[in-house]
Amino acid sequence: MAGETIARDALLAALAGVGSGAPTVERRQRLMGGTGSIVLVGAGSDLLDECFALADRCEAVWSRFLPDSDITRLNWSRGRAVDVDPLTVRLLESMQDGAELTGGDFNPTILPDLLAAGYAASTLDSSLVTTVPPGSTTAARLEFTISGTTVRLPRGVAIDPGGIGKGLAADIVVEFALARGAWGALAEFGGDVVAAGKAPTSDGWTVAVENAGDDTEPAMTMRLASGAIVTSSQARRRWNHGGSPRHHLINPGTGQSADTRVVTATVIAGTGARAEVIAKSAFLRGTAEYLDWVPAVGAAALVLDDRGNMTSSENWGIYR
């Protein structure tokens, strides 16, 4: 898969400088509906264990496929107040920020449309099926009230963390690792890469961008002092429903899978959560308009279309 290619090459690049003398530990394991990697510089295996435990906690409270998660309980709250983990408060606030940043291109309330399109069961365990209360519909905007860790969603609203959950979880793990004394940290969850602090090499954190969404040689490598690089792809989760091909990137305006020639959008931004929401706009806007807009929100982007053409924002080359 495209995301797995990024993940593997990012990890190999990050580990390339282990011989430079910086003590480095890393691990790759199943996580968040796929696999994840964490690389720590200047830290040991105990902190690595804590980082994976934190990532598991994010999944436990955010997954729409788990019946006891905060997200499931909120989706079935029917307007009642729900006590949630502080991590979920941060997720909701990041969702709201993302919706405002993208002018509504990113809309986490599209879950009812996503289920109607046929994406209800987990791709890893078909026995885990998402349900929402009858009458749930996509909202024009995400609204909620928060008091401490008590959250109230409007009746009829159901939310899906989707890609922002992976990006934000990687942000949180990297922040945690640095706060606990690591010199540097890289977290890659399902292809979303976040890095900060001292890299294992003098070149900084080096991340590969996949070529045409397959497992061939990477199209290019990018260098980050810190920040995030994520790829959103309509090729990764596709299925047929009602005799028509569908994918998981829903257009909030139509309630259908986005009708676009864009296959993948790779975004570099300050955080994984921000990069994720910016990437979604690539599938809803004209490519020229999108690539003009991306630098204005502090990001860079590379878009691949169904003819194999790659075009980038004017600031993309800064990270080569």
C-alpha atoms as a PDB file:
ATOM      1  CA  MET A   1       0.000   0.000   0.000  1.00  0.00           C
ATOM      2  CA  ALA A   2       1.114   3.581  -0.605  1.00  0.00           C
ATOM      3  CA  GLY A   3       1.109   4.505   3.069  1.00  0.00           C
ATOM      4  CA  GLU A   4       3.092   1.418   3.961  1.00  0.00           C
ATOM      5  CA  THR A   5       5.739   2.401   1.384  1.00  0.00           C
ATOM      6  CA  ILE A   6       6.122   5.818   2.983  1.00  0.00           C
ATOM      7  CA  ALA A   7       6.268   4.226   6.411  1.00  0.00           C
ATOM      8  CA  ARG A   8       8.941   1.698   5.526  1.00  0.00           C
ATOM      9  CA  ASP A   9      11.164   4.173   3.691  1.00  0.00           C
ATOM     10  CA  ALA A  10      10.737   6.846   6.364  1.00  0.00           C
ATOM     11  CA  LEU A  11      11.810   4.387   9.020  1.00  0.00           C
ATOM     12  CA  LEU A  12      14.808   3.158   7.028  1.00  0.00           C
ATOM     13  CA  ALA A  13      15.886   6.728   6.347  1.00  0.00           C
ATOM     14  CA  ALA A  14      15.564   7.641   9.997  1.00  0.00           C
ATOM     15  CA  LEU A  15      17.653   4.661  11.038  1.00  0.00           C
ATOM     16  CA  ALA A  16      20.326   5.199   8.421  1.00  0.00           C
ATOM     17  CA  GLY A  17      22.431   7.249  10.796  1.00  0.00           C
ATOM     18  CA  VAL A  18      22.342   5.019  13.848  1.00  0.00           C
ATOM     19  CA  GLY A  19      26.046   4.444  13.439  1.00  0.00           C
ATOM     20  CA  SER A  20      26.674   8.155  14.042  1.00  0.00           C
ATOM     21  CA  GLY A  21      26.815   7.533  17.776  1.00  0.00           C
ATOM     22  CA  ALA A  22      23.360   8.742  18.786  1.00  0.00           C
ATOM     23  CA  PRO A  23      21.673   6.061  20.911  1.00  0.00           C
ATOM     24  CA  THR A  24      18.543   5.115  19.004  1.00  0.00           C
ATOM     25  CA  VAL A  25      15.708   2.671  19.662  1.00  0.00           C
ATOM     26  CA  GLU A  26      12.855   1.800  17.317  1.00  0.00           C
ATOM     27  CA  ARG A  27       9.977  -0.605  16.929  1.00  0.00           C
ATOM     28  CA  ARG A  28       7.269  -1.361  14.412  1.00  0.00           C
ATOM     29  CA  GLN A  29       4.004  -3.049  15.386  1.00  0.00           C
ATOM     30  CA  ARG A  30       0.301  -3.277  14.546  1.00  0.00           C
ATOM     31  CA  LEU A  31      -1.514  -0.094  15.439  1.00  0.00           C
ATOM     32  CA  MET A  32      -4.558   1.988  14.465  1.00  0.00           C
ATOM     33  CA  GLY A  33      -5.953  -0.263  11.777  1.00  0.00           C
ATOM     34  CA  GLY A  34      -2.539  -0.863  10.254  1.00  0.00           C
ATOM     35  CA  THR A  35       1.013  -0.652  11.513  1.00  0.00           C
ATOM     36  CA  GLY A  36       3.040   2.019  13.217  1.00  0.00           C
ATOM     37  CA  SER A  37       6.672   2.821  13.935  1.00  0.00           C
ATOM     38  CA  ILE A  38       8.298   4.914  16.610  1.00  0.00           C
ATOM     39  CA  VAL A  39      11.963   5.974  16.563  1.00  0.00           C
ATOM     40  CA  LEU A  40      13.518   7.591  19.636  1.00  0.00           C
ATOM     41  CA  VAL A  41      16.932   9.239  19.756  1.00  0.00           C
ATOM     42  CA  GLY A  42      18.618   9.510  23.143  1.00  0.00           C
ATOM     43  CA  ALA A  43      16.080   7.298  24.915  1.00  0.00           C
ATOM     44  CA  GLY A  44      15.597   3.664  25.859  1.00  0.00           C
ATOM     45  CA  SER A  45      13.110   0.858  25.451  1.00  0.00           C
ATOM     46  CA  ASP A  46      11.116   1.831  28.547  1.00  0.00           C
ATOM     47  CA  LEU A  47      10.127   5.157  27.001  1.00  0.00           C
ATOM     48  CA  LEU A  48       9.420   3.382  23.728  1.00  0.00           C
ATOM     49  CA  ASP A  49       6.972   1.114  25.585  1.00  0.00           C
ATOM     50  CA  GLU A  50       5.271   4.185  27.094  1.00  0.00           C
ATOM     51  CA  CYS A  51       4.957   5.801  23.669  1.00  0.00           C
ATOM     52  CA  PHE A  52       3.224   2.757  22.193  1.00  0.00           C
ATOM     53  CA  ALA A  53       0.969   2.550  25.237  1.00  0.00           C
ATOM     54  CA  LEU A  54      -0.048   6.172  24.620  1.00  0.00           C
ATOM     55  CA  ALA A  55      -0.765   5.416  20.955  1.00  0.00           C
ATOM     56  CA  ASP A  56      -2.883   2.428  22.009  1.00  0.00           C
ATOM     57  CA  ARG A  57      -4.800   4.696  24.391  1.00  0.00           C
ATOM     58  CA  CYS A  58      -5.546   7.085  21.520  1.00  0.00           C
ATOM     59  CA  GLU A  59      -6.922   4.215  19.469  1.00  0.00           C
ATOM     60  CA  ALA A  60      -8.968   2.871  22.383  1.00  0.00           C
ATOM     61  CA  VAL A  61     -10.794   6.165  22.942  1.00  0.00           C
ATOM     62  CA  TRP A  62     -11.007   7.345  19.315  1.00  0.00           C
ATOM     63  CA  SER A  63     -11.868   4.279  17.223  1.00  0.00           C
ATOM     64  CA  ARG A  64     -15.360   4.306  15.705  1.00  0.00           C
ATOM     65  CA  PHE A  65     -15.168   0.508  15.511  1.00  0.00           C
ATOM     66  CA  LEU A  66     -14.880  -0.057  19.270  1.00  0.00           C
ATOM     67  CA  PRO A  67     -18.232  -0.086  21.110  1.00  0.00           C
ATOM     68  CA  ASP A  68     -16.841   1.456  24.313  1.00  0.00           C
ATOM     69  CA  SER A  69     -14.691   4.182  22.765  1.00  0.00           C
ATOM     70  CA  ASP A  70     -15.369   7.834  23.493  1.00  0.00           C
ATOM     71  CA  ILE A  71     -16.246   8.368  19.834  1.00  0.00           C
ATOM     72  CA  THR A  72     -18.861   5.602  19.810  1.00  0.00           C
ATOM     73  CA  ARG A  73     -20.364   6.822  23.080  1.00  0.00           C
ATOM     74  CA  LEU A  74     -20.537  10.389  21.732  1.00  0.00           C
ATOM     75  CA  ASN A  75     -22.097   9.224  18.470  1.00  0.00           C
ATOM     76  CA  TRP A  76     -24.813   7.405  20.413  1.00  0.00           C
ATOM     77  CA  SER A  77     -25.289  10.105  23.062  1.00  0.00           C
ATOM     78  CA  ARG A  78     -28.312  11.664  21.286  1.00  0.00           C
ATOM     79  CA  GLY A  79     -27.414  15.095  22.639  1.00  0.00           C
ATOM     80  CA  ARG A  80     -26.600  13.967  26.181  1.00  0.00           C
ATOM     81  CA  ALA A  81     -23.394  15.014  27.960  1.00  0.00           C
ATOM     82  CA  VAL A  82     -20.590  12.422  27.914  1.00  0.00           C
ATOM     83  CA  ASP A  83     -17.467  12.276  30.079  1.00  0.00           C
ATOM     84  CA  VAL A  84     -14.440  11.605  27.871  1.00  0.00           C
ATOM     85  CA  ASP A  85     -10.681  11.203  28.039  1.00  0.00           C
ATOM     86  CA  PRO A  86      -8.709  14.488  27.806  1.00  0.00           C
ATOM     87  CA  LEU A  87      -7.223  13.098  24.579  1.00  0.00           C
ATOM     88  CA  THR A  88     -10.705  13.153  23.067  1.00  0.00           C
ATOM     89  CA  VAL A  89     -11.170  16.804  23.994  1.00  0.00           C
ATOM     90  CA  ARG A  90      -7.978  17.584  22.101  1.00  0.00           C
ATOM     91  CA  LEU A  91      -9.195  15.537  19.116  1.00  0.00           C
ATOM     92  CA  LEU A  92     -12.482  17.429  18.968  1.00  0.00           C
ATOM     93  CA  GLU A  93     -10.729  20.782  19.171  1.00  0.00           C
ATOM     94  CA  SER A  94      -8.342  19.722  16.390  1.00  0.00           C
ATOM     95  CA  MET A  95     -11.305  18.652  14.262  1.00  0.00           C
ATOM     96  CA  GLN A  96     -12.950  22.022  14.721  1.00  0.00           C
ATOM     97  CA  ASP A  97      -9.714  23.843  13.873  1.00  0.00           C
ATOM     98  CA  GLY A  98      -9.337  21.703  10.742  1.00  0.00           C
ATOM     99  CA  ALA A  99     -12.856  22.431   9.559  1.00  0.00           C
ATOM    100  CA  GLU A 100     -12.296  26.171   9.964  1.00  0.00           C
ATOM    101  CA  LEU A 101      -8.886  26.057   8.271  1.00  0.00           C
ATOM    102  CA  THR A 102     -10.247  24.283   5.184  1.00  0.00           C
ATOM    103  CA  GLY A 103     -13.516  26.169   4.919  1.00  0.00           C
ATOM    104  CA  GLY A 104     -15.446  22.973   5.564  1.00  0.00           C
ATOM    105  CA  ASP A 105     -13.574  20.689   3.135  1.00  0.00           C
ATOM    106  CA  PHE A 106     -12.653  18.677   6.195  1.00  0.00           C
ATOM    107  CA  ASN A 107     -15.904  17.719   7.908  1.00  0.00           C
ATOM    108  CA  PRO A 108     -15.756  14.912  10.488  1.00  0.00           C
ATOM    109  CA  THR A 109     -19.562  14.691  10.626  1.00  0.00           C
ATOM    110  CA  ILE A 110     -19.672  12.830   7.261  1.00  0.00           C
ATOM    111  CA  LEU A 111     -19.780   9.472   9.081  1.00  0.00           C
ATOM    112  CA  PRO A 112     -23.448   8.728   8.167  1.00  0.00           C
ATOM    113  CA  ASP A 113     -22.600   9.272   4.478  1.00  0.00           C
ATOM    114  CA  LEU A 114     -19.498   7.112   4.796  1.00  0.00           C
ATOM    115  CA  LEU A 115     -21.582   4.280   6.267  1.00  0.00           C
ATOM    116  CA  ALA A 116     -24.217   4.715   3.557  1.00  0.00           C
ATOM    117  CA  ALA A 117     -21.453   4.401   0.956  1.00  0.00           C
ATOM    118  CA  GLY A 118     -20.588   0.973   2.377  1.00  0.00           C
ATOM    119  CA  TYR A 119     -17.695   1.580   4.760  1.00  0.00           C
ATOM    120  CA  ALA A 120     -19.140   0.345   8.033  1.00  0.00           C
ATOM    121  CA  ALA A 121     -16.953  -2.657   8.898  1.00  0.00           C
ATOM    122  CA  SER A 122     -13.310  -2.565   9.922  1.00  0.00           C
ATOM    123  CA  THR A 123     -10.951  -3.616   7.137  1.00  0.00           C
ATOM    124  CA  LEU A 124      -8.999  -5.691   9.670  1.00  0.00           C
ATOM    125  CA  ASP A 125     -11.885  -7.326  11.522  1.00  0.00           C
ATOM    126  CA  SER A 126     -15.215  -7.485   9.713  1.00  0.00           C
ATOM    127  CA  SER A 127     -16.969  -8.301  12.990  1.00  0.00           C
ATOM    128  CA  LEU A 128     -16.314  -4.720  14.135  1.00  0.00           C
ATOM    129  CA  VAL A 129     -19.078  -2.669  12.549  1.00  0.00           C
ATOM    130  CA  THR A 130     -19.819   1.024  13.057  1.00  0.00           C
ATOM    131  CA  THR A 131     -23.420   2.026  13.674  1.00  0.00           C
ATOM    132  CA  VAL A 132     -25.038   5.397  14.332  1.00  0.00           C
ATOM    133  CA  PRO A 133     -28.498   6.325  15.613  1.00  0.00           C
ATOM    134  CA  PRO A 134     -31.284   6.485  12.999  1.00  0.00           C
ATOM    135  CA  GLY A 135     -31.642   9.971  11.613  1.00  0.00           C
ATOM    136  CA  SER A 136     -27.950  10.870  11.894  1.00  0.00           C
ATOM    137  CA  THR A 137     -26.913  13.180   9.069  1.00  0.00           C
ATOM    138  CA  THR A 138     -23.913  15.182   7.942  1.00  0.00           C
ATOM    139  CA  ALA A 139     -23.914  18.606   9.570  1.00  0.00           C
ATOM    140  CA  ALA A 140     -22.938  21.832   7.853  1.00  0.00           C
ATOM    141  CA  ARG A 141     -20.314  22.328  10.566  1.00  0.00           C
ATOM    142  CA  LEU A 142     -19.019  20.554  13.644  1.00  0.00           C
ATOM    143  CA  GLU A 143     -20.435  22.068  16.811  1.00  0.00           C
ATOM    144  CA  PHE A 144     -20.119  20.863  20.384  1.00  0.00           C
ATOM    145  CA  THR A 145     -19.856  22.166  23.927  1.00  0.00           C
ATOM    146  CA  ILE A 146     -17.060  21.234  26.320  1.00  0.00           C
ATOM    147  CA  SER A 147     -16.859  21.727  30.070  1.00  0.00           C
ATOM    148  CA  GLY A 148     -13.612  20.251  31.352  1.00  0.00           C
ATOM    149  CA  THR A 149     -13.770  16.718  29.983  1.00  0.00           C
ATOM    150  CA  THR A 150     -17.546  16.654  29.567  1.00  0.00           C
ATOM    151  CA  VAL A 151     -18.675  16.937  25.945  1.00  0.00           C
ATOM    152  CA  ARG A 152     -22.091  17.398  24.381  1.00  0.00           C
ATOM    153  CA  LEU A 153     -22.641  16.776  20.658  1.00  0.00           C
ATOM    154  CA  PRO A 154     -25.867  17.939  19.019  1.00  0.00           C
ATOM    155  CA  ARG A 155     -28.476  15.246  18.527  1.00  0.00           C
ATOM    156  CA  GLY A 156     -28.153  13.588  15.116  1.00  0.00           C
ATOM    157  CA  VAL A 157     -24.411  14.323  14.751  1.00  0.00           C
ATOM    158  CA  ALA A 158     -21.932  11.444  14.457  1.00  0.00           C
ATOM    159  CA  ILE A 159     -18.201  11.943  13.958  1.00  0.00           C
ATOM    160  CA  ASP A 160     -15.371   9.935  12.412  1.00  0.00           C
ATOM    161  CA  PRO A 161     -11.756  10.639  13.462  1.00  0.00           C
ATOM    162  CA  GLY A 162     -10.477   9.176  10.179  1.00  0.00           C
ATOM    163  CA  GLY A 163      -7.052  10.403   9.111  1.00  0.00           C
ATOM    164  CA  ILE A 164      -6.846  13.257  11.598  1.00  0.00           C
ATOM    165  CA  GLY A 165      -6.790  10.645  14.363  1.00  0.00           C
ATOM    166  CA  LYS A 166      -3.594   9.121  12.988  1.00  0.00           C
ATOM    167  CA  GLY A 167      -1.908  12.469  12.477  1.00  0.00           C
ATOM    168  CA  LEU A 168      -2.873  13.801  15.897  1.00  0.00           C
ATOM    169  CA  ALA A 169      -1.849  10.566  17.632  1.00  0.00           C
ATOM    170  CA  ALA A 170       1.599  10.872  16.036  1.00  0.00           C
ATOM    171  CA  ASP A 171       1.771  14.519  17.200  1.00  0.00           C
ATOM    172  CA  ILE A 172       0.869  13.505  20.742  1.00  0.00           C
ATOM    173  CA  VAL A 173       3.385  10.658  20.907  1.00  0.00           C
ATOM    174  CA  VAL A 174       6.253  12.819  19.623  1.00  0.00           C
ATOM    175  CA  GLU A 175       5.371  15.594  22.112  1.00  0.00           C
ATOM    176  CA  PHE A 176       5.250  13.032  24.915  1.00  0.00           C
ATOM    177  CA  ALA A 177       8.602  11.505  24.003  1.00  0.00           C
ATOM    178  CA  LEU A 178      10.372  14.870  23.959  1.00  0.00           C
ATOM    179  CA  ALA A 179       8.727  15.915  27.225  1.00  0.00           C
ATOM    180  CA  ARG A 180      10.002  12.687  28.802  1.00  0.00           C
ATOM    181  CA  GLY A 181      13.600  13.394  27.805  1.00  0.00           C
ATOM    182  CA  ALA A 182      14.131  11.945  24.327  1.00  0.00           C
ATOM    183  CA  TRP A 183      16.539  13.977  22.217  1.00  0.00           C
ATOM    184  CA  GLY A 184      14.446  13.359  19.151  1.00  0.00           C
ATOM    185  CA  ALA A 185      11.418  11.346  18.086  1.00  0.00           C
ATOM    186  CA  LEU A 186       9.672  10.149  14.955  1.00  0.00           C
ATOM    187  CA  ALA A 187       6.216   8.562  14.956  1.00  0.00           C
ATOM    188  CA  GLU A 188       4.747   7.026  11.813  1.00  0.00           C
ATOM    189  CA  PHE A 189       1.185   5.748  12.043  1.00  0.00           C
ATOM    190  CA  GLY A 190      -0.346   4.346   8.881  1.00  0.00           C
ATOM    191  CA  GLY A 191       1.887   6.511   6.700  1.00  0.00           C
ATOM    192  CA  ASP A 192       1.468   9.744   8.683  1.00  0.00           C
ATOM    193  CA  VAL A 193       4.956  10.809   9.778  1.00  0.00           C
ATOM    194  CA  VAL A 194       5.677  13.337  12.540  1.00  0.00           C
ATOM    195  CA  ALA A 195       9.220  14.126  13.683  1.00  0.00           C
ATOM    196  CA  ALA A 196      10.896  16.602  16.019  1.00  0.00           C
ATOM    197  CA  GLY A 197      14.116  17.090  17.918  1.00  0.00           C
ATOM    198  CA  LYS A 198      17.500  15.563  17.117  1.00  0.00           C
ATOM    199  CA  ALA A 199      17.506  13.216  14.112  1.00  0.00           C
ATOM    200  CA  PRO A 200      19.753  10.161  13.873  1.00  0.00           C
ATOM    201  CA  THR A 201      21.604  11.780  10.940  1.00  0.00           C
ATOM    202  CA  SER A 202      23.156  15.156  10.272  1.00  0.00           C
ATOM    203  CA  ASP A 203      20.749  15.587   7.330  1.00  0.00           C
ATOM    204  CA  GLY A 204      17.746  15.831   9.627  1.00  0.00           C
ATOM    205  CA  TRP A 205      14.694  13.624   9.364  1.00  0.00           C
ATOM    206  CA  THR A 206      14.529  12.169   5.837  1.00  0.00           C
ATOM    207  CA  VAL A 207      11.207  10.849   4.541  1.00  0.00           C
ATOM    208  CA  ALA A 208      10.504   9.152   1.211  1.00  0.00           C
ATOM    209  CA  VAL A 209       7.500  10.001  -0.970  1.00  0.00           C
ATOM    210  CA  GLU A 210       6.094   7.000  -2.847  1.00  0.00           C
ATOM    211  CA  ASN A 211       6.053   6.788  -6.620  1.00  0.00           C
ATOM    212  CA  ALA A 212       2.565   6.608  -8.170  1.00  0.00           C
ATOM    213  CA  GLY A 213       1.092   4.989  -5.087  1.00  0.00           C
ATOM    214  CA  ASP A 214       2.809   1.639  -5.558  1.00  0.00           C
ATOM    215  CA  ASP A 215       5.815  -0.222  -4.176  1.00  0.00           C
ATOM    216  CA  THR A 216       8.386   0.936  -6.741  1.00  0.00           C
ATOM    217  CA  GLU A 217      11.343   3.160  -5.933  1.00  0.00           C
ATOM    218  CA  PRO A 218      10.294   6.343  -4.088  1.00  0.00           C
ATOM    219  CA  ALA A 219       9.624   9.375  -6.249  1.00  0.00           C
ATOM    220  CA  MET A 220      11.743  11.615  -4.031  1.00  0.00           C
ATOM    221  CA  THR A 221      12.956  12.149  -0.500  1.00  0.00           C
ATOM    222  CA  MET A 222      12.139  15.134   1.653  1.00  0.00           C
ATOM    223  CA  ARG A 223      14.094  16.555   4.594  1.00  0.00           C
ATOM    224  CA  LEU A 224      12.494  18.003   7.706  1.00  0.00           C
ATOM    225  CA  ALA A 225      14.049  19.704  10.689  1.00  0.00           C
ATOM    226  CA  SER A 226      10.723  19.022  12.405  1.00  0.00           C
ATOM    227  CA  GLY A 227       7.101  18.751  11.391  1.00  0.00           C
ATOM    228  CA  ALA A 228       4.890  16.283   9.591  1.00  0.00           C
ATOM    229  CA  ILE A 229       4.446  14.706   6.184  1.00  0.00           C
ATOM    230  CA  VAL A 230       1.276  12.776   5.371  1.00  0.00           C
ATOM    231  CA  THR A 231      -0.247  11.249   2.269  1.00  0.00           C
ATOM    232  CA  SER A 232      -3.978  10.953   1.694  1.00  0.00           C
ATOM    233  CA  SER A 233      -4.995   8.561  -1.084  1.00  0.00           C
ATOM    234  CA  GLN A 234      -8.236   7.509  -2.732  1.00  0.00           C
ATOM    235  CA  ALA A 235      -6.464   4.319  -3.868  1.00  0.00           C
ATOM    236  CA  ARG A 236      -5.992   2.940  -0.376  1.00  0.00           C
ATOM    237  CA  ARG A 237      -9.582   2.220   0.642  1.00  0.00           C
ATOM    238  CA  ARG A 238     -11.791   1.411  -2.347  1.00  0.00           C
ATOM    239  CA  TRP A 239     -14.785  -0.888  -2.719  1.00  0.00           C
ATOM    240  CA  ASN A 240     -17.904  -1.363  -4.819  1.00  0.00           C
ATOM    241  CA  HIS A 241     -21.297  -0.480  -3.380  1.00  0.00           C
ATOM    242  CA  GLY A 242     -24.566  -0.637  -5.287  1.00  0.00           C
ATOM    243  CA  GLY A 243     -22.642  -1.462  -8.446  1.00  0.00           C
ATOM    244  CA  SER A 244     -20.498   1.680  -8.251  1.00  0.00           C
ATOM    245  CA  PRO A 245     -16.866   2.153  -7.173  1.00  0.00           C
ATOM    246  CA  ARG A 246     -16.496   4.066  -3.922  1.00  0.00           C
ATOM    247  CA  HIS A 247     -13.664   5.365  -1.752  1.00  0.00           C
ATOM    248  CA  HIS A 248     -13.458   6.766   1.766  1.00  0.00           C
ATOM    249  CA  LEU A 249     -12.869  10.434   0.869  1.00  0.00           C
ATOM    250  CA  ILE A 250     -16.374  11.851   1.062  1.00  0.00           C
ATOM    251  CA  ASN A 251     -17.367  15.206  -0.411  1.00  0.00           C
ATOM    252  CA  PRO A 252     -19.412  16.867   2.371  1.00  0.00           C
ATOM    253  CA  GLY A 253     -21.371  18.813  -0.222  1.00  0.00           C
ATOM    254  CA  THR A 254     -22.680  15.752  -2.068  1.00  0.00           C
ATOM    255  CA  GLY A 255     -22.445  12.991   0.531  1.00  0.00           C
ATOM    256  CA  GLN A 256     -20.701  10.835  -2.096  1.00  0.00           C
ATOM    257  CA  SER A 257     -17.112   9.738  -2.651  1.00  0.00           C
ATOM    258  CA  ALA A 258     -15.231  12.707  -4.079  1.00  0.00           C
ATOM    259  CA  ASP A 259     -15.280  12.807  -7.899  1.00  0.00           C
ATOM    260  CA  THR A 260     -11.688  13.713  -8.680  1.00  0.00           C
ATOM    261  CA  ARG A 261      -8.694  12.781 -10.813  1.00  0.00           C
ATOM    262  CA  VAL A 262      -6.411  13.265  -7.817  1.00  0.00           C
ATOM    263  CA  VAL A 263      -5.039   9.925  -6.609  1.00  0.00           C
ATOM    264  CA  THR A 264      -2.786  11.065  -3.772  1.00  0.00           C
ATOM    265  CA  ALA A 265      -1.972  14.309  -1.995  1.00  0.00           C
ATOM    266  CA  THR A 266       1.177  14.537   0.105  1.00  0.00           C
ATOM    267  CA  VAL A 267       1.359  17.461   2.519  1.00  0.00           C
ATOM    268  CA  ILE A 268       4.136  18.842   4.702  1.00  0.00           C
ATOM    269  CA  ALA A 269       2.951  20.958   7.633  1.00  0.00           C
ATOM    270  CA  GLY A 270       3.817  21.836  11.210  1.00  0.00           C
ATOM    271  CA  THR A 271       1.748  19.011  12.715  1.00  0.00           C
ATOM    272  CA  GLY A 272       0.289  15.722  11.604  1.00  0.00           C
ATOM    273  CA  ALA A 273      -3.253  16.839  12.396  1.00  0.00           C
ATOM    274  CA  ARG A 274      -2.877  20.003  10.308  1.00  0.00           C
ATOM    275  CA  ALA A 275      -1.270  18.134   7.389  1.00  0.00           C
ATOM    276  CA  GLU A 276      -4.109  15.598   7.374  1.00  0.00           C
ATOM    277  CA  VAL A 277      -6.901  18.152   7.060  1.00  0.00           C
ATOM    278  CA  ILE A 278      -5.035  20.178   4.425  1.00  0.00           C
ATOM    279  CA  ALA A 279      -4.569  17.009   2.356  1.00  0.00           C
ATOM    280  CA  LYS A 280      -8.333  16.430   2.195  1.00  0.00           C
ATOM    281  CA  SER A 281      -8.880  19.675   0.278  1.00  0.00           C
ATOM    282  CA  ALA A 282      -6.829  18.312  -2.633  1.00  0.00           C
ATOM    283  CA  PHE A 283      -9.714  15.966  -3.511  1.00  0.00           C
ATOM    284  CA  LEU A 284     -12.375  18.686  -3.437  1.00  0.00           C
ATOM    285  CA  ARG A 285     -10.708  21.657  -5.145  1.00  0.00           C
ATOM    286  CA  GLY A 286      -9.143  22.180  -8.529  1.00  0.00           C
ATOM    287  CA  THR A 287      -5.470  21.268  -8.330  1.00  0.00           C
ATOM    288  CA  ALA A 288      -4.170  24.689  -9.398  1.00  0.00           C
ATOM    289  CA  GLU A 289      -6.393  26.443  -6.864  1.00  0.00           C
ATOM    290  CA  TYR A 290      -5.385  23.964  -4.173  1.00  0.00           C
ATOM    291  CA  LEU A 291      -1.639  24.325  -4.769  1.00  0.00           C
ATOM    292  CA  ASP A 292      -1.944  28.125  -4.693  1.00  0.00           C
ATOM    293  CA  TRP A 293      -3.819  27.947  -1.371  1.00  0.00           C
ATOM    294  CA  VAL A 294      -1.537  25.502   0.473  1.00  0.00           C
ATOM    295  CA  PRO A 295       1.425  27.876   1.095  1.00  0.00           C
ATOM    296  CA  ALA A 296      -1.008  30.475   2.455  1.00  0.00           C
ATOM    297  CA  VAL A 297      -1.860  28.109   5.330  1.00  0.00           C
ATOM    298  CA  GLY A 298       1.775  27.308   6.113  1.00  0.00           C
ATOM    299  CA  ALA A 299       2.101  24.015   4.256  1.00  0.00           C
ATOM    300  CA  ALA A 300       3.549  22.491   1.080  1.00  0.00           C
ATOM    301  CA  ALA A 301       1.915  19.853  -1.109  1.00  0.00           C
ATOM    302  CA  LEU A 302       2.517  17.398  -3.937  1.00  0.00           C
ATOM    303  CA  VAL A 303      -0.447  16.072  -5.947  1.00  0.00           C
ATOM    304  CA  LEU A 304      -0.462  12.931  -8.085  1.00  0.00           C
ATOM    305  CA  ASP A 305      -3.268  12.464 -10.634  1.00  0.00           C
ATOM    306  CA  ASP A 306      -4.629   9.378 -12.372  1.00  0.00           C
ATOM    307  CA  ARG A 307      -2.364   9.953 -15.379  1.00  0.00           C
ATOM    308  CA  GLY A 308       0.761   9.813 -13.258  1.00  0.00           C
ATOM    309  CA  ASN A 309       1.357  13.574 -13.363  1.00  0.00           C
ATOM    310  CA  MET A 310       2.871  15.126 -10.252  1.00  0.00           C
ATOM    311  CA  THR A 311       2.457  18.822  -9.523  1.00  0.00           C
ATOM    312  CA  SER A 312       3.525  20.689  -6.408  1.00  0.00           C
ATOM    313  CA  SER A 313       3.106  23.951  -4.570  1.00  0.00           C
ATOM    314  CA  GLU A 314       5.744  26.590  -5.200  1.00  0.00           C
ATOM    315  CA  ASN A 315       7.375  25.962  -1.803  1.00  0.00           C
ATOM    316  CA  TRP A 316       7.659  22.173  -2.136  1.00  0.00           C
ATOM    317  CA  GLY A 317      11.288  22.354  -3.277  1.00  0.00           C
ATOM    318  CA  ILE A 318      12.347  23.900   0.040  1.00  0.00           C
ATOM    319  CA  TYR A 319      12.175  20.461   1.632  1.00  0.00           C
ATOM    320  CA  ARG A 320      14.152  18.532  -1.040  1.00  0.00           C
END
